[in-house]
Amino acid sequence: ATSYPSDPRAEEARFYTAYCYYLDAPIFSLDQENTTKCIESLQLFI
């Protein structure tokens, strides 16, 4: 998404970046660094 921002798939890639963070985020009782990173990435997408 960063290297090819004008590519038609850049939007999808940006969403998948955030969604991968979401899928990789731990359960609530564990460290939430990925959770915070995911929220920031999703907000950037929006």
All heavy atoms as atom14 arrays in JSON, in Angstrom:
{
  "sequence": "ATSYPSDPRAEEARFYTAYCYYLDAPIFSLDQENTTKCIESLQLFI",
  "atom14_mask": [
    [1, 1, 1, 1, 1, 0, 0, 0, 0, 0, 0, 0, 0, 0],
    [1, 1, 1, 1, 1, 1, 1, 0, 0, 0, 0, 0, 0, 0],
    [1, 1, 1, 1, 1, 1, 0, 0, 0, 0, 0, 0, 0, 0],
    [1, 1, 1, 1, 1, 1, 1, 1, 1, 1, 1, 1, 0, 0],
    [1, 1, 1, 1, 1, 1, 1, 0, 0, 0, 0, 0, 0, 0],
    [1, 1, 1, 1, 1, 1, 0, 0, 0, 0, 0, 0, 0, 0],
    [1, 1, 1, 1, 1, 1, 1, 1, 0, 0, 0, 0, 0, 0],
    [1, 1, 1, 1, 1, 1, 1, 0, 0, 0, 0, 0, 0, 0],
    [1, 1, 1, 1, 1, 1, 1, 1, 1, 1, 1, 0, 0, 0],
    [1, 1, 1, 1, 1, 0, 0, 0, 0, 0, 0, 0, 0, 0],
    [1, 1, 1, 1, 1, 1, 1, 1, 1, 0, 0, 0, 0, 0],
    [1, 1, 1, 1, 1, 1, 1, 1, 1, 0, 0, 0, 0, 0],
    [1, 1, 1, 1, 1, 0, 0, 0, 0, 0, 0, 0, 0, 0],
    [1, 1, 1, 1, 1, 1, 1, 1, 1, 1, 1, 0, 0, 0],
    [1, 1, 1, 1, 1, 1, 1, 1, 1, 1, 1, 0, 0, 0],
    [1, 1, 1, 1, 1, 1, 1, 1, 1, 1, 1, 1, 0, 0],
    [1, 1, 1, 1, 1, 1, 1, 0, 0, 0, 0, 0, 0, 0],
    [1, 1, 1, 1, 1, 0, 0, 0, 0, 0, 0, 0, 0, 0],
    [1, 1, 1, 1, 1, 1, 1, 1, 1, 1, 1, 1, 0, 0],
    [1, 1, 1, 1, 1, 1, 0, 0, 0, 0, 0, 0, 0, 0],
    [1, 1, 1, 1, 1, 1, 1, 1, 1, 1, 1, 1, 0, 0],
    [1, 1, 1, 1, 1, 1, 1, 1, 1, 1, 1, 1, 0, 0],
    [1, 1, 1, 1, 1, 1, 1, 1, 0, 0, 0, 0, 0, 0],
    [1, 1, 1, 1, 1, 1, 1, 1, 0, 0, 0, 0, 0, 0],
    [1, 1, 1, 1, 1, 0, 0, 0, 0, 0, 0, 0, 0, 0],
    [1, 1, 1, 1, 1, 1, 1, 0, 0, 0, 0, 0, 0, 0],
    [1, 1, 1, 1, 1, 1, 1, 1, 0, 0, 0, 0, 0, 0],
    [1, 1, 1, 1, 1, 1, 1, 1, 1, 1, 1, 0, 0, 0],
    [1, 1, 1, 1, 1, 1, 0, 0, 0, 0, 0, 0, 0, 0],
    [1, 1, 1, 1, 1, 1, 1, 1, 0, 0, 0, 0, 0, 0],
    [1, 1, 1, 1, 1, 1, 1, 1, 0, 0, 0, 0, 0, 0],
    [1, 1, 1, 1, 1, 1, 1, 1, 1, 0, 0, 0, 0, 0],
    [1, 1, 1, 1, 1, 1, 1, 1, 1, 0, 0, 0, 0, 0],
    [1, 1, 1, 1, 1, 1, 1, 1, 0, 0, 0, 0, 0, 0],
    [1, 1, 1, 1, 1, 1, 1, 0, 0, 0, 0, 0, 0, 0],
    [1, 1, 1, 1, 1, 1, 1, 0, 0, 0, 0, 0, 0, 0],
    [1, 1, 1, 1, 1, 1, 1, 1, 1, 0, 0, 0, 0, 0],
    [1, 1, 1, 1, 1, 1, 0, 0, 0, 0, 0, 0, 0, 0],
    [1, 1, 1, 1, 1, 1, 1, 1, 0, 0, 0, 0, 0, 0],
    [1, 1, 1, 1, 1, 1, 1, 1, 1, 0, 0, 0, 0, 0],
    [1, 1, 1, 1, 1, 1, 0, 0, 0, 0, 0, 0, 0, 0],
    [1, 1, 1, 1, 1, 1, 1, 1, 0, 0, 0, 0, 0, 0],
    [1, 1, 1, 1, 1, 1, 1, 1, 1, 0, 0, 0, 0, 0],
    [1, 1, 1, 1, 1, 1, 1, 1, 0, 0, 0, 0, 0, 0],
    [1, 1, 1, 1, 1, 1, 1, 1, 1, 1, 1, 0, 0, 0],
    [1, 1, 1, 1, 1, 1, 1, 1, 0, 0, 0, 0, 0, 0]
  ],
  "atom14_positions": [
    [[0.82, -1.21, 0.0], [0.0, 0.0, 0.0], [0.85, 1.26, 0.0], [0.5, 2.27, -0.63], [-0.92, -0.01, 1.22], [0.0, 0.0, 0.0], [0.0, 0.0, 0.0], [0.0, 0.0, 0.0], [0.0, 0.0, 0.0], [0.0, 0.0, 0.0], [0.0, 0.0, 0.0], [0.0, 0.0, 0.0], [0.0, 0.0, 0.0], [0.0, 0.0, 0.0]],
    [[1.99, 1.21, 0.67], [2.89, 2.36, 0.75], [3.66, 2.55, -0.56], [3.85, 3.68, -1.02], [3.88, 2.19, 1.92], [3.16, 2.0, 3.14], [4.78, 3.41, 2.06], [0.0, 0.0, 0.0], [0.0, 0.0, 0.0], [0.0, 0.0, 0.0], [0.0, 0.0, 0.0], [0.0, 0.0, 0.0], [0.0, 0.0, 0.0], [0.0, 0.0, 0.0]],
    [[4.09, 1.44, -1.13], [4.9, 1.51, -2.36], [4.08, 1.8, -3.61], [4.58, 2.42, -4.55], [5.67, 0.2, -2.55], [6.51, -0.07, -1.44], [0.0, 0.0, 0.0], [0.0, 0.0, 0.0], [0.0, 0.0, 0.0], [0.0, 0.0, 0.0], [0.0, 0.0, 0.0], [0.0, 0.0, 0.0], [0.0, 0.0, 0.0], [0.0, 0.0, 0.0]],
    [[2.83, 1.33, -3.61], [1.99, 1.48, -4.81], [0.63, 2.1, -4.44], [-0.42, 1.45, -4.59], [1.78, 0.12, -5.48], [3.08, -0.62, -5.74], [3.49, -1.68, -4.93], [3.93, -0.24, -6.79], [4.68, -2.35, -5.15], [5.13, -0.89, -7.02], [5.5, -1.94, -6.2], [6.68, -2.6, -6.42], [0.0, 0.0, 0.0], [0.0, 0.0, 0.0]],
    [[0.62, 3.32, -3.93], [-0.63, 3.94, -3.47], [-1.66, 4.16, -4.57], [-2.86, 4.26, -4.28], [-0.16, 5.28, -2.88], [1.15, 5.56, -3.56], [1.79, 4.22, -3.77], [0.0, 0.0, 0.0], [0.0, 0.0, 0.0], [0.0, 0.0, 0.0], [0.0, 0.0, 0.0], [0.0, 0.0, 0.0], [0.0, 0.0, 0.0], [0.0, 0.0, 0.0]],
    [[-1.2, 4.24, -5.82], [-2.15, 4.47, -6.93], [-2.69, 3.17, -7.51], [-3.58, 3.2, -8.38], [-1.47, 5.28, -8.03], [-0.33, 4.61, -8.54], [0.0, 0.0, 0.0], [0.0, 0.0, 0.0], [0.0, 0.0, 0.0], [0.0, 0.0, 0.0], [0.0, 0.0, 0.0], [0.0, 0.0, 0.0], [0.0, 0.0, 0.0], [0.0, 0.0, 0.0]],
    [[-2.17, 2.03, -7.06], [-2.67, 0.75, -7.56], [-4.1, 0.53, -7.07], [-4.43, 0.85, -5.92], [-1.77, -0.39, -7.05], [-2.11, -1.72, -7.7], [-3.09, -2.36, -7.25], [-1.4, -2.12, -8.65], [0.0, 0.0, 0.0], [0.0, 0.0, 0.0], [0.0, 0.0, 0.0], [0.0, 0.0, 0.0], [0.0, 0.0, 0.0], [0.0, 0.0, 0.0]],
    [[-4.98, -0.02, -7.9], [-6.37, -0.25, -7.5], [-6.51, -1.14, -6.26], [-7.52, -1.1, -5.56], [-6.98, -0.93, -8.73], [-6.12, -0.5, -9.87], [-4.73, -0.39, -9.31], [0.0, 0.0, 0.0], [0.0, 0.0, 0.0], [0.0, 0.0, 0.0], [0.0, 0.0, 0.0], [0.0, 0.0, 0.0], [0.0, 0.0, 0.0], [0.0, 0.0, 0.0]],
    [[-5.48, -1.94, -6.0], [-5.53, -2.85, -4.84], [-4.97, -2.23, -3.56], [-4.95, -2.88, -2.51], [-4.76, -4.13, -5.16], [-5.39, -4.98, -6.24], [-4.45, -6.01, -6.79], [-3.32, -5.39, -7.52], [-2.4, -6.06, -8.18], [-2.46, -7.38, -8.24], [-1.42, -5.43, -8.82], [0.0, 0.0, 0.0], [0.0, 0.0, 0.0], [0.0, 0.0, 0.0]],
    [[-4.54, -0.97, -3.63], [-3.95, -0.32, -2.45], [-4.96, -0.21, -1.31], [-4.61, -0.43, -0.14], [-3.42, 1.06, -2.83], [0.0, 0.0, 0.0], [0.0, 0.0, 0.0], [0.0, 0.0, 0.0], [0.0, 0.0, 0.0], [0.0, 0.0, 0.0], [0.0, 0.0, 0.0], [0.0, 0.0, 0.0], [0.0, 0.0, 0.0], [0.0, 0.0, 0.0]],
    [[-6.19, 0.13, -1.64], [-7.24, 0.23, -0.62], [-7.44, -1.11, 0.09], [-7.48, -1.19, 1.31], [-8.55, 0.68, -1.25], [-9.72, 0.73, -0.26], [-11.04, 1.04, -0.93], [-11.05, 1.83, -1.9], [-12.07, 0.48, -0.49], [0.0, 0.0, 0.0], [0.0, 0.0, 0.0], [0.0, 0.0, 0.0], [0.0, 0.0, 0.0], [0.0, 0.0, 0.0]],
    [[-7.54, -2.17, -0.71], [-7.72, -3.5, -0.14], [-6.5, -3.89, 0.71], [-6.65, -4.46, 1.8], [-7.92, -4.52, -1.26], [-8.23, -5.92, -0.77], [-8.49, -6.89, -1.91], [-7.7, -6.88, -2.88], [-9.47, -7.63, -1.84], [0.0, 0.0, 0.0], [0.0, 0.0, 0.0], [0.0, 0.0, 0.0], [0.0, 0.0, 0.0], [0.0, 0.0, 0.0]],
    [[-5.31, -3.57, 0.23], [-4.09, -3.9, 0.97], [-4.04, -3.16, 2.29], [-3.63, -3.72, 3.32], [-2.85, -3.55, 0.13], [0.0, 0.0, 0.0], [0.0, 0.0, 0.0], [0.0, 0.0, 0.0], [0.0, 0.0, 0.0], [0.0, 0.0, 0.0], [0.0, 0.0, 0.0], [0.0, 0.0, 0.0], [0.0, 0.0, 0.0], [0.0, 0.0, 0.0]],
    [[-4.48, -1.91, 2.29], [-4.49, -1.13, 3.52], [-5.48, -1.74, 4.53], [-5.2, -1.81, 5.73], [-4.88, 0.31, 3.21], [-4.77, 1.27, 4.37], [-3.35, 1.57, 4.76], [-2.66, 2.38, 3.77], [-1.42, 2.81, 3.92], [-0.75, 2.51, 5.02], [-0.83, 3.53, 2.99], [0.0, 0.0, 0.0], [0.0, 0.0, 0.0], [0.0, 0.0, 0.0]],
    [[-6.62, -2.2, 4.02], [-7.6, -2.85, 4.91], [-7.04, -4.16, 5.46], [-7.16, -4.45, 6.64], [-8.91, -3.11, 4.17], [-9.92, -3.84, 5.03], [-10.68, -3.15, 5.95], [-10.07, -5.22, 4.94], [-11.6, -3.82, 6.76], [-10.97, -5.9, 5.74], [-11.75, -5.2, 6.65], [0.0, 0.0, 0.0], [0.0, 0.0, 0.0], [0.0, 0.0, 0.0]],
    [[-6.44, -4.96, 4.57], [-5.89, -6.24, 5.01], [-4.75, -6.06, 6.02], [-4.56, -6.9, 6.89], [-5.39, -7.05, 3.8], [-6.45, -7.96, 3.22], [-6.93, -7.76, 1.92], [-6.95, -9.03, 3.96], [-7.9, -8.59, 1.38], [-7.91, -9.87, 3.42], [-8.4, -9.64, 2.13], [-9.36, -10.48, 1.61], [0.0, 0.0, 0.0], [0.0, 0.0, 0.0]],
    [[-4.01, -4.97, 5.9], [-2.97, -4.68, 6.89], [-3.59, -4.62, 8.28], [-3.13, -5.27, 9.22], [-2.29, -3.33, 6.58], [-1.7, -3.37, 5.29], [-1.21, -3.03, 7.61], [0.0, 0.0, 0.0], [0.0, 0.0, 0.0], [0.0, 0.0, 0.0], [0.0, 0.0, 0.0], [0.0, 0.0, 0.0], [0.0, 0.0, 0.0], [0.0, 0.0, 0.0]],
    [[-4.65, -3.83, 8.4], [-5.34, -3.69, 9.69], [-6.01, -4.99, 10.11], [-5.99, -5.37, 11.29], [-6.37, -2.57, 9.6], [0.0, 0.0, 0.0], [0.0, 0.0, 0.0], [0.0, 0.0, 0.0], [0.0, 0.0, 0.0], [0.0, 0.0, 0.0], [0.0, 0.0, 0.0], [0.0, 0.0, 0.0], [0.0, 0.0, 0.0], [0.0, 0.0, 0.0]],
    [[-6.62, -5.67, 9.15], [-7.33, -6.91, 9.49], [-6.38, -7.99, 9.97], [-6.73, -8.79, 10.85], [-8.12, -7.4, 8.26], [-9.07, -8.53, 8.59], [-10.06, -8.36, 9.55], [-8.99, -9.76, 7.94], [-10.94, -9.39, 9.87], [-9.85, -10.79, 8.24], [-10.82, -10.61, 9.21], [-11.68, -11.63, 9.52], [0.0, 0.0, 0.0], [0.0, 0.0, 0.0]],
    [[-5.17, -8.02, 9.42], [-4.17, -8.98, 9.89], [-3.77, -8.67, 11.33], [-3.58, -9.58, 12.14], [-2.94, -8.96, 8.99], [-3.2, -9.77, 7.39], [0.0, 0.0, 0.0], [0.0, 0.0, 0.0], [0.0, 0.0, 0.0], [0.0, 0.0, 0.0], [0.0, 0.0, 0.0], [0.0, 0.0, 0.0], [0.0, 0.0, 0.0], [0.0, 0.0, 0.0]],
    [[-3.64, -7.38, 11.65], [-3.38, -7.01, 13.05], [-4.53, -7.5, 13.93], [-4.31, -7.97, 15.05], [-3.26, -5.49, 13.19], [-2.0, -4.89, 12.61], [-2.04, -3.65, 11.97], [-0.78, -5.53, 12.72], [-0.89, -3.08, 11.44], [0.38, -4.97, 12.19], [0.32, -3.74, 11.55], [1.45, -3.18, 11.03], [0.0, 0.0, 0.0], [0.0, 0.0, 0.0]],
    [[-5.74, -7.36, 13.4], [-6.92, -7.79, 14.17], [-6.88, -9.3, 14.43], [-7.11, -9.75, 15.55], [-8.19, -7.43, 13.38], [-9.47, -7.88, 14.05], [-10.07, -7.11, 15.04], [-10.09, -9.08, 13.68], [-11.24, -7.53, 15.65], [-11.25, -9.5, 14.28], [-11.83, -8.72, 15.28], [-12.99, -9.14, 15.9], [0.0, 0.0, 0.0], [0.0, 0.0, 0.0]],
    [[-6.58, -10.07, 13.4], [-6.53, -11.52, 13.54], [-5.37, -11.96, 14.43], [-5.43, -13.02, 15.06], [-6.41, -12.19, 12.17], [-7.61, -12.01, 11.24], [-7.29, -12.57, 9.86], [-8.85, -12.7, 11.8], [0.0, 0.0, 0.0], [0.0, 0.0, 0.0], [0.0, 0.0, 0.0], [0.0, 0.0, 0.0], [0.0, 0.0, 0.0], [0.0, 0.0, 0.0]],
    [[-4.34, -11.14, 14.48], [-3.14, -11.47, 15.25], [-3.2, -10.93, 16.68], [-2.33, -11.23, 17.49], [-1.9, -10.91, 14.56], [-0.66, -11.77, 14.79], [-0.82, -12.99, 15.02], [0.45, -11.23, 14.75], [0.0, 0.0, 0.0], [0.0, 0.0, 0.0], [0.0, 0.0, 0.0], [0.0, 0.0, 0.0], [0.0, 0.0, 0.0], [0.0, 0.0, 0.0]],
    [[-4.21, -10.1, 16.96], [-4.32, -9.5, 18.29], [-4.65, -10.59, 19.31], [-5.47, -11.47, 19.05], [-5.4, -8.42, 18.3], [0.0, 0.0, 0.0], [0.0, 0.0, 0.0], [0.0, 0.0, 0.0], [0.0, 0.0, 0.0], [0.0, 0.0, 0.0], [0.0, 0.0, 0.0], [0.0, 0.0, 0.0], [0.0, 0.0, 0.0], [0.0, 0.0, 0.0]],
    [[-4.03, -10.53, 20.5], [-4.24, -11.56, 21.51], [-5.58, -11.43, 22.2], [-6.28, -10.42, 22.05], [-3.1, -11.31, 22.5], [-2.85, -9.84, 22.38], [-3.08, -9.51, 20.92], [0.0, 0.0, 0.0], [0.0, 0.0, 0.0], [0.0, 0.0, 0.0], [0.0, 0.0, 0.0], [0.0, 0.0, 0.0], [0.0, 0.0, 0.0], [0.0, 0.0, 0.0]],
    [[-5.94, -12.44, 22.99], [-7.15, -12.36, 23.79], [-6.99, -11.24, 24.82], [-5.88, -10.8, 25.1], [-7.44, -13.7, 24.5], [-6.27, -14.11, 25.43], [-7.73, -14.78, 23.48], [-6.55, -15.34, 26.26], [0.0, 0.0, 0.0], [0.0, 0.0, 0.0], [0.0, 0.0, 0.0], [0.0, 0.0, 0.0], [0.0, 0.0, 0.0], [0.0, 0.0, 0.0]],
    [[-8.09, -10.79, 25.4], [-8.07, -9.59, 26.23], [-7.12, -9.67, 27.4], [-6.61, -8.66, 27.88], [-9.49, -9.28, 26.73], [-9.92, -10.12, 27.91], [-9.66, -9.69, 29.2], [-10.58, -11.33, 27.73], [-10.05, -10.44, 30.29], [-10.97, -12.08, 28.81], [-10.71, -11.64, 30.1], [0.0, 0.0, 0.0], [0.0, 0.0, 0.0], [0.0, 0.0, 0.0]],
    [[-6.84, -10.88, 27.92], [-6.02, -11.0, 29.12], [-4.53, -10.88, 28.85], [-3.74, -10.8, 29.78], [-6.31, -12.34, 29.81], [-5.98, -13.42, 28.94], [0.0, 0.0, 0.0], [0.0, 0.0, 0.0], [0.0, 0.0, 0.0], [0.0, 0.0, 0.0], [0.0, 0.0, 0.0], [0.0, 0.0, 0.0], [0.0, 0.0, 0.0], [0.0, 0.0, 0.0]],
    [[-4.13, -10.85, 27.56], [-2.71, -10.77, 27.23], [-2.34, -9.35, 26.8], [-3.17, -8.45, 26.78], [-2.39, -11.77, 26.11], [-2.72, -13.24, 26.45], [-2.38, -14.12, 25.27], [-1.95, -13.7, 27.68], [0.0, 0.0, 0.0], [0.0, 0.0, 0.0], [0.0, 0.0, 0.0], [0.0, 0.0, 0.0], [0.0, 0.0, 0.0], [0.0, 0.0, 0.0]],
    [[-1.08, -9.17, 26.48], [-0.58, -7.86, 26.07], [-1.37, -7.34, 24.87], [-1.66, -8.1, 23.94], [0.91, -7.96, 25.72], [1.46, -6.63, 25.27], [1.66, -5.78, 26.14], [1.68, -6.44, 24.07], [0.0, 0.0, 0.0], [0.0, 0.0, 0.0], [0.0, 0.0, 0.0], [0.0, 0.0, 0.0], [0.0, 0.0, 0.0], [0.0, 0.0, 0.0]],
    [[-1.7, -6.05, 24.91], [-2.59, -5.49, 23.89], [-1.89, -4.57, 22.9], [-2.53, -3.72, 22.28], [-3.72, -4.73, 24.59], [-4.61, -5.61, 25.43], [-5.34, -6.65, 24.6], [-6.03, -6.31, 23.65], [-5.2, -7.9, 24.94], [0.0, 0.0, 0.0], [0.0, 0.0, 0.0], [0.0, 0.0, 0.0], [0.0, 0.0, 0.0], [0.0, 0.0, 0.0]],
    [[-0.59, -4.72, 22.72], [0.13, -3.86, 21.79], [-0.44, -3.98, 20.37], [-0.65, -2.98, 19.68], [1.62, -4.21, 21.79], [2.45, -3.32, 20.86], [3.92, -3.69, 20.86], [4.33, -4.55, 21.68], [4.66, -3.13, 20.04], [0.0, 0.0, 0.0], [0.0, 0.0, 0.0], [0.0, 0.0, 0.0], [0.0, 0.0, 0.0], [0.0, 0.0, 0.0]],
    [[-0.7, -5.22, 19.94], [-1.27, -5.42, 18.61], [-2.68, -4.86, 18.51], [-3.1, -4.39, 17.45], [-1.28, -6.92, 18.26], [-0.05, -7.32, 17.47], [0.92, -6.59, 17.41], [-0.08, -8.49, 16.87], [0.0, 0.0, 0.0], [0.0, 0.0, 0.0], [0.0, 0.0, 0.0], [0.0, 0.0, 0.0], [0.0, 0.0, 0.0], [0.0, 0.0, 0.0]],
    [[-3.42, -4.91, 19.61], [-4.78, -4.38, 19.61], [-4.75, -2.88, 19.35], [-5.5, -2.35, 18.52], [-5.47, -4.66, 20.95], [-5.47, -6.07, 21.19], [-6.9, -4.16, 20.94], [0.0, 0.0, 0.0], [0.0, 0.0, 0.0], [0.0, 0.0, 0.0], [0.0, 0.0, 0.0], [0.0, 0.0, 0.0], [0.0, 0.0, 0.0], [0.0, 0.0, 0.0]],
    [[-3.88, -2.18, 20.05], [-3.74, -0.73, 19.86], [-3.27, -0.42, 18.45], [-3.77, 0.5, 17.79], [-2.74, -0.16, 20.89], [-3.19, -0.49, 22.21], [-2.63, 1.35, 20.75], [0.0, 0.0, 0.0], [0.0, 0.0, 0.0], [0.0, 0.0, 0.0], [0.0, 0.0, 0.0], [0.0, 0.0, 0.0], [0.0, 0.0, 0.0], [0.0, 0.0, 0.0]],
    [[-2.3, -1.18, 17.96], [-1.78, -0.98, 16.61], [-2.88, -1.21, 15.57], [-2.97, -0.48, 14.57], [-0.62, -1.95, 16.36], [0.12, -1.73, 15.05], [1.11, -2.84, 14.78], [2.22, -2.87, 15.79], [3.24, -3.92, 15.47], [0.0, 0.0, 0.0], [0.0, 0.0, 0.0], [0.0, 0.0, 0.0], [0.0, 0.0, 0.0], [0.0, 0.0, 0.0]],
    [[-3.73, -2.18, 15.83], [-4.81, -2.5, 14.9], [-5.84, -1.36, 14.86], [-6.3, -0.98, 13.78], [-5.49, -3.8, 15.33], [-6.8, -4.31, 14.22], [0.0, 0.0, 0.0], [0.0, 0.0, 0.0], [0.0, 0.0, 0.0], [0.0, 0.0, 0.0], [0.0, 0.0, 0.0], [0.0, 0.0, 0.0], [0.0, 0.0, 0.0], [0.0, 0.0, 0.0]],
    [[-6.19, -0.81, 16.02], [-7.14, 0.3, 16.05], [-6.6, 1.48, 15.25], [-7.32, 2.11, 14.47], [-7.43, 0.71, 17.51], [-8.24, -0.39, 18.22], [-8.19, 2.03, 17.57], [-8.45, -0.14, 19.7], [0.0, 0.0, 0.0], [0.0, 0.0, 0.0], [0.0, 0.0, 0.0], [0.0, 0.0, 0.0], [0.0, 0.0, 0.0], [0.0, 0.0, 0.0]],
    [[-5.32, 1.78, 15.44], [-4.7, 2.89, 14.72], [-4.72, 2.63, 13.21], [-4.98, 3.55, 12.41], [-3.26, 3.08, 15.2], [-3.18, 3.58, 16.64], [-1.76, 3.59, 17.17], [-0.85, 3.06, 16.47], [-1.53, 4.1, 18.29], [0.0, 0.0, 0.0], [0.0, 0.0, 0.0], [0.0, 0.0, 0.0], [0.0, 0.0, 0.0], [0.0, 0.0, 0.0]],
    [[-4.44, 1.39, 12.83], [-4.4, 1.03, 11.41], [-5.8, 1.09, 10.79], [-5.97, 1.56, 9.66], [-3.8, -0.36, 11.25], [-3.58, -0.66, 9.89], [0.0, 0.0, 0.0], [0.0, 0.0, 0.0], [0.0, 0.0, 0.0], [0.0, 0.0, 0.0], [0.0, 0.0, 0.0], [0.0, 0.0, 0.0], [0.0, 0.0, 0.0], [0.0, 0.0, 0.0]],
    [[-6.81, 0.63, 11.5], [-8.19, 0.68, 11.0], [-8.66, 2.13, 10.88], [-9.35, 2.49, 9.92], [-9.11, -0.1, 11.94], [-9.02, -1.63, 11.85], [-9.67, -2.27, 13.06], [-9.66, -2.14, 10.57], [0.0, 0.0, 0.0], [0.0, 0.0, 0.0], [0.0, 0.0, 0.0], [0.0, 0.0, 0.0], [0.0, 0.0, 0.0], [0.0, 0.0, 0.0]],
    [[-8.29, 2.95, 11.86], [-8.68, 4.35, 11.8], [-8.01, 5.06, 10.63], [-8.62, 5.9, 9.96], [-8.32, 5.05, 13.12], [-8.9, 6.45, 13.25], [-10.42, 6.46, 13.16], [-11.11, 5.81, 13.94], [-10.95, 7.2, 12.2], [0.0, 0.0, 0.0], [0.0, 0.0, 0.0], [0.0, 0.0, 0.0], [0.0, 0.0, 0.0], [0.0, 0.0, 0.0]],
    [[-6.75, 4.69, 10.37], [-6.04, 5.26, 9.22], [-6.75, 4.87, 7.93], [-6.9, 5.71, 7.02], [-4.6, 4.75, 9.2], [-3.75, 5.18, 7.98], [-3.63, 6.7, 7.93], [-2.37, 4.53, 8.03], [0.0, 0.0, 0.0], [0.0, 0.0, 0.0], [0.0, 0.0, 0.0], [0.0, 0.0, 0.0], [0.0, 0.0, 0.0], [0.0, 0.0, 0.0]],
    [[-7.19, 3.62, 7.85], [-7.93, 3.17, 6.66], [-9.19, 4.01, 6.46], [-9.49, 4.46, 5.34], [-8.3, 1.69, 6.79], [-9.21, 1.2, 5.71], [-8.7, 0.85, 4.47], [-10.57, 1.11, 5.92], [-9.54, 0.42, 3.44], [-11.43, 0.67, 4.91], [-10.9, 0.33, 3.67], [0.0, 0.0, 0.0], [0.0, 0.0, 0.0], [0.0, 0.0, 0.0]],
    [[-9.94, 4.23, 7.54], [-11.17, 5.02, 7.46], [-10.86, 6.45, 7.01], [-11.6, 7.04, 6.2], [-11.9, 5.01, 8.81], [-12.43, 3.6, 9.11], [-13.06, 6.01, 8.82], [-12.99, 3.43, 10.51], [0.0, 0.0, 0.0], [0.0, 0.0, 0.0], [0.0, 0.0, 0.0], [0.0, 0.0, 0.0], [0.0, 0.0, 0.0], [0.0, 0.0, 0.0]]
  ]
}
